[in-house]
Amino acid sequence: MNKEEKVLRESIRQAIRIVKKKRLDEEGKFRKIIQSFIDYELKMINEAGQVPDDQPTPNKSTGINVLEDLLKKIIPQLEIDYRMMTTADEQRKSFRAHIVNAVINTLTPAEINTEAGDEEAEEERLAAKRDTELSEDIEVEIEDDDADKFIDIRTDAEKSAEEGEEEEAASPEEEFGAGVEGADETGRNMAYNSFKKIESSTIDSYELLSNEEDQELFYDYLIANLKLYFDKFETELTPEVTEPTNQAYDTAKDDVAAAGGGGELGGSEMAPPGEEEIELEL
């Protein structure tokens, strides 16, 4: 082995040692950084007394706690049905209007019944008792043969009209959509099917509450959250995309506009993005 080869090998070994040392140093620094993050997070958790995510801290209101549990059940279902309607915005607008209207119509009778209290229940009980006593005093006998003696005096036109009215009875979807005028029927029908899936859970959750304040908070926050979640779904379906730009482009575009639409942009005549005429061959 000559002297030059020996020097070369020594240089290579030295380079390898430097690379290994540098790699170990970087790995050690990286481990220290990760450990510092872990230590910091543990310190914050201990200081705040934070409970695990699977055991969230309850709110001060029972009504809000019950509502939060309900929203976890119904919002995912509403989102699935809402995202299915992609043909037109009107379908989704109709869907959300009918869902909110249905919740209001469903919970309002429950709210009225709860506010009525024991006094109204007692009045109904007494009225039912009076009706029962009255019905026991009056006996009306109707012979079965009397039904055969009935003479129908309606004309054929009247009979046809009444039969037509019976046939044209409102469908369940039409009854469900009462109170929401001019709405898209597809959105209404989708809302009808969707509400059937959440109606029982919504009523059951509300009827758990007997405190007037809890009931009011549950009702108000349910309506507000439904609207907010529908806004969120819509934003995710149709996000507003802003095209990136820079100062040079904006300045050049302003110069072209100041010149009356003529001139050069970036050294060649061109229209701002989005303003070109596009011809489609049908």
Protein backbone atom coordinates (compact mmCIF):
# COMPACT_ATOMS: atom_id res chain seq x y z
CA MET A 1 0.00 0.00 0.00
CA ASN A 2 1.54 3.25 -1.05
CA LYS A 3 1.36 6.48 0.87
CA GLU A 4 -1.35 8.09 -1.30
CA GLU A 5 -3.68 5.11 -0.91
CA LYS A 6 -3.17 5.13 2.84
CA VAL A 7 -4.00 8.83 3.05
CA LEU A 8 -7.11 8.28 0.93
CA ARG A 9 -8.39 5.47 3.16
CA GLU A 10 -7.79 7.53 6.28
CA SER A 11 -9.69 10.42 4.74
CA ILE A 12 -12.63 8.11 3.94
CA ARG A 13 -12.72 6.75 7.50
CA GLN A 14 -12.63 10.28 8.86
CA ALA A 15 -15.51 11.30 6.62
CA ILE A 16 -17.57 8.27 7.74
CA ARG A 17 -16.94 9.11 11.40
CA ILE A 18 -18.05 12.70 10.81
CA VAL A 19 -21.26 11.62 9.05
CA LYS A 20 -22.12 9.11 11.78
CA LYS A 21 -21.47 11.65 14.52
CA LYS A 22 -23.59 14.26 12.74
CA ARG A 23 -26.44 11.78 12.29
CA LEU A 24 -26.33 10.78 15.96
CA ASP A 25 -26.27 14.41 17.03
CA GLU A 26 -29.31 15.21 14.85
CA GLU A 27 -31.17 12.14 16.11
CA GLY A 28 -30.41 13.15 19.69
CA LYS A 29 -31.67 16.69 19.09
CA PHE A 30 -34.83 15.36 17.47
CA ARG A 31 -35.50 13.06 20.45
CA LYS A 32 -35.02 15.96 22.85
CA ILE A 33 -37.51 18.10 20.89
CA ILE A 34 -40.14 15.33 20.90
CA GLN A 35 -39.61 14.71 24.59
CA SER A 36 -39.97 18.41 25.35
CA PHE A 37 -43.34 18.46 23.55
CA ILE A 38 -44.50 15.42 25.52
CA ASP A 39 -43.38 16.94 28.82
CA TYR A 40 -45.15 20.19 28.03
CA GLU A 41 -48.44 18.47 27.14
CA LEU A 42 -48.33 16.34 30.31
CA LYS A 43 -47.65 19.44 32.38
CA MET A 44 -50.62 21.31 30.84
CA ILE A 45 -52.93 18.33 31.42
CA ASN A 46 -51.88 18.02 35.05
CA GLU A 47 -52.24 21.74 35.73
CA ALA A 48 -55.65 22.02 34.10
CA GLY A 49 -56.93 18.76 35.56
CA GLN A 50 -58.17 17.86 32.10
CA VAL A 51 -60.25 14.69 31.83
CA PRO A 52 -59.86 12.25 28.92
CA ASP A 53 -61.70 12.99 25.66
CA ASP A 54 -64.04 10.04 26.19
CA GLN A 55 -65.26 11.70 29.41
CA PRO A 56 -65.97 15.33 28.44
CA THR A 57 -66.73 17.87 31.14
CA PRO A 58 -70.53 18.31 31.40
CA ASN A 59 -72.11 21.71 30.85
CA LYS A 60 -73.76 23.57 33.68
CA SER A 61 -77.19 23.02 32.10
CA THR A 62 -78.84 19.61 31.98
CA GLY A 63 -80.77 20.76 28.94
CA ILE A 64 -77.55 21.46 27.03
CA ASN A 65 -76.06 18.12 28.11
CA VAL A 66 -79.12 16.26 26.83
CA LEU A 67 -79.07 18.29 23.60
CA GLU A 68 -75.37 17.55 23.03
CA ASP A 69 -76.08 13.83 23.34
CA LEU A 70 -79.00 14.16 20.89
CA LEU A 71 -76.93 16.11 18.33
CA LYS A 72 -74.34 13.32 18.28
CA LYS A 73 -77.14 10.98 17.17
CA ILE A 74 -79.06 13.07 14.65
CA ILE A 75 -76.50 15.37 12.98
CA PRO A 76 -74.58 12.53 11.22
CA GLN A 77 -77.87 11.22 9.80
CA LEU A 78 -78.97 14.65 8.61
CA GLU A 79 -75.56 15.24 7.02
CA ILE A 80 -75.75 12.00 5.03
CA ASP A 81 -79.19 12.88 3.63
CA TYR A 82 -78.27 16.53 3.03
CA ARG A 83 -75.18 15.66 1.01
CA MET A 84 -77.21 13.39 -1.30
CA MET A 85 -78.96 16.39 -2.89
CA THR A 86 -76.51 17.78 -5.41
CA THR A 87 -78.73 18.59 -8.40
CA ALA A 88 -79.77 22.05 -7.25
CA ASP A 89 -79.37 24.41 -4.29
CA GLU A 90 -83.16 24.64 -4.01
CA GLN A 91 -83.33 20.99 -2.93
CA ARG A 92 -81.04 21.58 0.03
CA LYS A 93 -82.77 24.85 0.97
CA SER A 94 -86.10 23.03 0.96
CA PHE A 95 -84.64 20.17 3.01
CA ARG A 96 -83.34 22.42 5.79
CA ALA A 97 -86.52 24.52 5.89
CA HIS A 98 -88.71 21.43 6.26
CA ILE A 99 -86.48 19.85 8.92
CA VAL A 100 -86.47 23.00 11.06
CA ASN A 101 -90.21 23.46 10.57
CA ALA A 102 -90.86 19.84 11.54
CA VAL A 103 -88.81 20.14 14.72
CA ILE A 104 -90.70 23.29 15.70
CA ASN A 105 -94.08 21.67 15.00
CA THR A 106 -93.09 18.52 16.89
CA LEU A 107 -91.70 20.15 20.03
CA THR A 108 -94.26 22.95 20.32
CA PRO A 109 -97.15 20.64 21.36
CA ALA A 110 -94.84 18.93 23.85
CA GLU A 111 -93.85 22.32 25.24
CA ILE A 112 -97.48 23.37 25.60
CA ASN A 113 -98.42 20.11 27.29
CA THR A 114 -95.57 20.48 29.77
CA GLU A 115 -96.52 24.06 30.65
CA ALA A 116 -100.15 23.11 31.18
CA GLY A 117 -99.28 21.44 34.48
CA ASP A 118 -101.36 19.44 36.90
CA GLU A 119 -104.24 21.94 36.91
CA GLU A 120 -105.18 21.25 33.30
CA ALA A 121 -104.77 17.52 33.81
CA GLU A 122 -107.17 17.70 36.75
CA GLU A 123 -109.72 19.64 34.68
CA GLU A 124 -109.54 17.04 31.93
CA ARG A 125 -110.02 14.26 34.45
CA LEU A 126 -113.14 15.94 35.88
CA ALA A 127 -114.53 16.61 32.40
CA ALA A 128 -114.01 12.97 31.44
CA LYS A 129 -115.77 11.88 34.62
CA ARG A 130 -118.78 14.13 33.84
CA ASP A 131 -118.99 12.78 30.29
CA THR A 132 -118.93 9.22 31.60
CA GLU A 133 -121.70 9.91 34.12
CA LEU A 134 -123.79 11.63 31.43
CA SER A 135 -123.36 8.78 28.97
CA GLU A 136 -124.52 6.32 31.63
CA ASP A 137 -127.75 8.30 32.12
CA ILE A 138 -128.61 8.38 28.41
CA GLU A 139 -129.26 5.16 26.56
CA VAL A 140 -129.80 5.30 22.83
CA GLU A 141 -130.74 2.15 21.04
CA ILE A 142 -130.20 1.95 17.29
CA GLU A 143 -131.52 -1.06 15.47
CA ASP A 144 -129.29 -2.62 12.84
CA ASP A 145 -132.18 -2.60 10.34
CA ASP A 146 -132.27 1.23 10.39
CA ALA A 147 -129.09 1.38 8.31
CA ASP A 148 -130.89 -0.38 5.45
CA LYS A 149 -133.63 2.29 5.47
CA PHE A 150 -131.21 5.17 4.71
CA ILE A 151 -132.12 7.04 1.50
CA ASP A 152 -129.22 8.78 -0.24
CA ILE A 153 -130.53 12.02 -1.75
CA ARG A 154 -127.24 13.14 -3.32
CA THR A 155 -127.06 13.61 -7.08
CA ASP A 156 -124.59 11.63 -9.17
CA ALA A 157 -122.47 14.76 -9.57
CA GLU A 158 -122.32 15.28 -5.81
CA LYS A 159 -121.37 11.65 -5.24
CA SER A 160 -118.60 11.86 -7.84
CA ALA A 161 -117.30 15.12 -6.36
CA GLU A 162 -117.15 13.67 -2.84
CA GLU A 163 -115.47 10.50 -4.08
CA GLY A 164 -112.94 12.65 -5.94
CA GLU A 165 -112.18 14.62 -2.79
CA GLU A 166 -111.51 11.39 -0.94
CA GLU A 167 -109.15 10.24 -3.68
CA GLU A 168 -107.30 13.57 -3.68
CA ALA A 169 -106.45 13.40 0.01
CA ALA A 170 -103.07 14.89 0.84
CA SER A 171 -100.10 12.53 0.88
CA PRO A 172 -98.00 12.16 4.06
CA GLU A 173 -95.25 14.20 2.38
CA GLU A 174 -97.72 17.01 1.58
CA GLU A 175 -99.01 17.04 5.14
CA PHE A 176 -95.41 17.10 6.39
CA GLY A 177 -94.63 20.11 4.16
CA ALA A 178 -97.60 22.18 5.36
CA GLY A 179 -96.42 25.61 6.44
CA VAL A 180 -93.44 25.76 4.07
CA GLU A 181 -94.61 27.38 0.85
CA GLY A 182 -92.90 27.31 -2.55
CA ALA A 183 -90.28 24.75 -1.53
CA ASP A 184 -88.70 22.15 -3.79
CA GLU A 185 -90.60 18.85 -3.59
CA THR A 186 -87.49 16.67 -3.76
CA GLY A 187 -86.05 18.48 -0.76
CA ARG A 188 -89.38 18.12 1.04
CA ASN A 189 -89.59 14.38 0.36
CA MET A 190 -85.99 13.85 1.46
CA ALA A 191 -86.66 15.84 4.63
CA TYR A 192 -89.76 13.74 5.32
CA ASN A 193 -87.78 10.49 5.22
CA SER A 194 -84.89 12.00 7.16
CA PHE A 195 -87.08 13.41 9.92
CA LYS A 196 -88.73 10.03 10.48
CA LYS A 197 -85.27 8.74 11.44
CA ILE A 198 -84.67 11.42 14.09
CA GLU A 199 -88.20 12.26 15.30
CA SER A 200 -88.38 9.66 18.06
CA SER A 201 -84.94 10.52 19.48
CA THR A 202 -85.75 14.23 19.45
CA ILE A 203 -89.04 13.83 21.31
CA ASP A 204 -87.58 11.35 23.82
CA SER A 205 -84.69 13.71 24.62
CA TYR A 206 -86.98 16.70 25.13
CA GLU A 207 -89.41 14.78 27.33
CA LEU A 208 -86.57 13.86 29.69
CA LEU A 209 -86.57 17.49 30.83
CA SER A 210 -89.13 18.87 33.27
CA ASN A 211 -87.25 22.00 34.32
CA GLU A 212 -88.59 25.00 32.39
CA GLU A 213 -85.14 26.56 31.91
CA ASP A 214 -83.71 23.26 30.61
CA GLN A 215 -86.60 22.92 28.17
CA GLU A 216 -86.14 26.45 26.86
CA LEU A 217 -82.39 26.04 26.40
CA PHE A 218 -82.83 22.67 24.71
CA TYR A 219 -85.45 24.04 22.29
CA ASP A 220 -83.62 27.27 21.38
CA TYR A 221 -80.18 25.70 21.01
CA LEU A 222 -81.55 22.76 18.99
CA ILE A 223 -83.03 25.09 16.36
CA ALA A 224 -79.89 27.24 16.30
CA ASN A 225 -77.55 24.25 15.98
CA LEU A 226 -79.59 22.68 13.18
CA LYS A 227 -79.25 25.89 11.16
CA LEU A 228 -75.56 26.22 11.94
CA TYR A 229 -74.81 22.65 10.93
CA PHE A 230 -76.75 23.09 7.69
CA ASP A 231 -74.64 26.20 7.00
CA LYS A 232 -71.52 24.11 7.65
CA PHE A 233 -72.67 21.33 5.29
CA GLU A 234 -73.45 23.86 2.55
CA THR A 235 -70.07 25.56 2.88
CA GLU A 236 -68.32 22.20 2.57
CA LEU A 237 -70.40 21.29 -0.50
CA THR A 238 -69.98 24.61 -2.30
CA PRO A 239 -66.83 26.29 -0.97
CA GLU A 240 -65.93 29.75 -2.25
CA VAL A 241 -62.63 29.33 -4.06
CA THR A 242 -60.40 32.41 -4.25
CA GLU A 243 -57.89 32.35 -7.08
CA PRO A 244 -54.31 33.09 -5.92
CA THR A 245 -52.79 36.31 -7.27
CA ASN A 246 -49.82 38.62 -6.74
CA GLN A 247 -49.03 42.32 -6.74
CA ALA A 248 -47.57 42.33 -10.27
CA TYR A 249 -50.72 40.87 -11.75
CA ASP A 250 -53.03 43.21 -9.80
CA THR A 251 -50.99 46.26 -10.86
CA ALA A 252 -50.94 45.22 -14.51
CA LYS A 253 -54.67 44.51 -14.46
CA ASP A 254 -55.38 47.95 -13.00
CA ASP A 255 -53.24 49.54 -15.75
CA VAL A 256 -55.21 47.71 -18.43
CA ALA A 257 -58.50 48.80 -16.89
CA ALA A 258 -57.31 52.40 -16.69
CA ALA A 259 -56.41 52.27 -20.40
CA GLY A 260 -59.98 51.35 -21.26
CA GLY A 261 -59.49 47.63 -21.58
CA GLY A 262 -56.72 47.83 -24.17
CA GLY A 263 -53.00 47.47 -23.71
CA GLU A 264 -50.65 44.70 -22.89
CA LEU A 265 -50.59 42.50 -19.81
CA GLY A 266 -47.30 40.84 -19.07
CA GLY A 267 -45.95 41.69 -22.53
CA SER A 268 -48.83 40.18 -24.51
CA GLU A 269 -52.47 41.03 -24.96
CA MET A 270 -54.68 38.80 -22.87
CA ALA A 271 -57.85 39.04 -20.82
CA PRO A 272 -57.83 38.58 -17.06
CA PRO A 273 -58.50 34.98 -15.99
CA GLY A 274 -62.17 34.13 -16.01
CA GLU A 275 -63.04 36.78 -18.62
CA GLU A 276 -62.19 34.85 -21.79
CA GLU A 277 -65.04 33.89 -24.08
CA ILE A 278 -65.52 30.14 -24.22
CA GLU A 279 -67.34 28.56 -27.12
CA LEU A 280 -68.96 25.16 -26.63
CA GLU A 281 -69.77 22.93 -29.57
CA LEU A 282 -73.13 21.26 -28.95
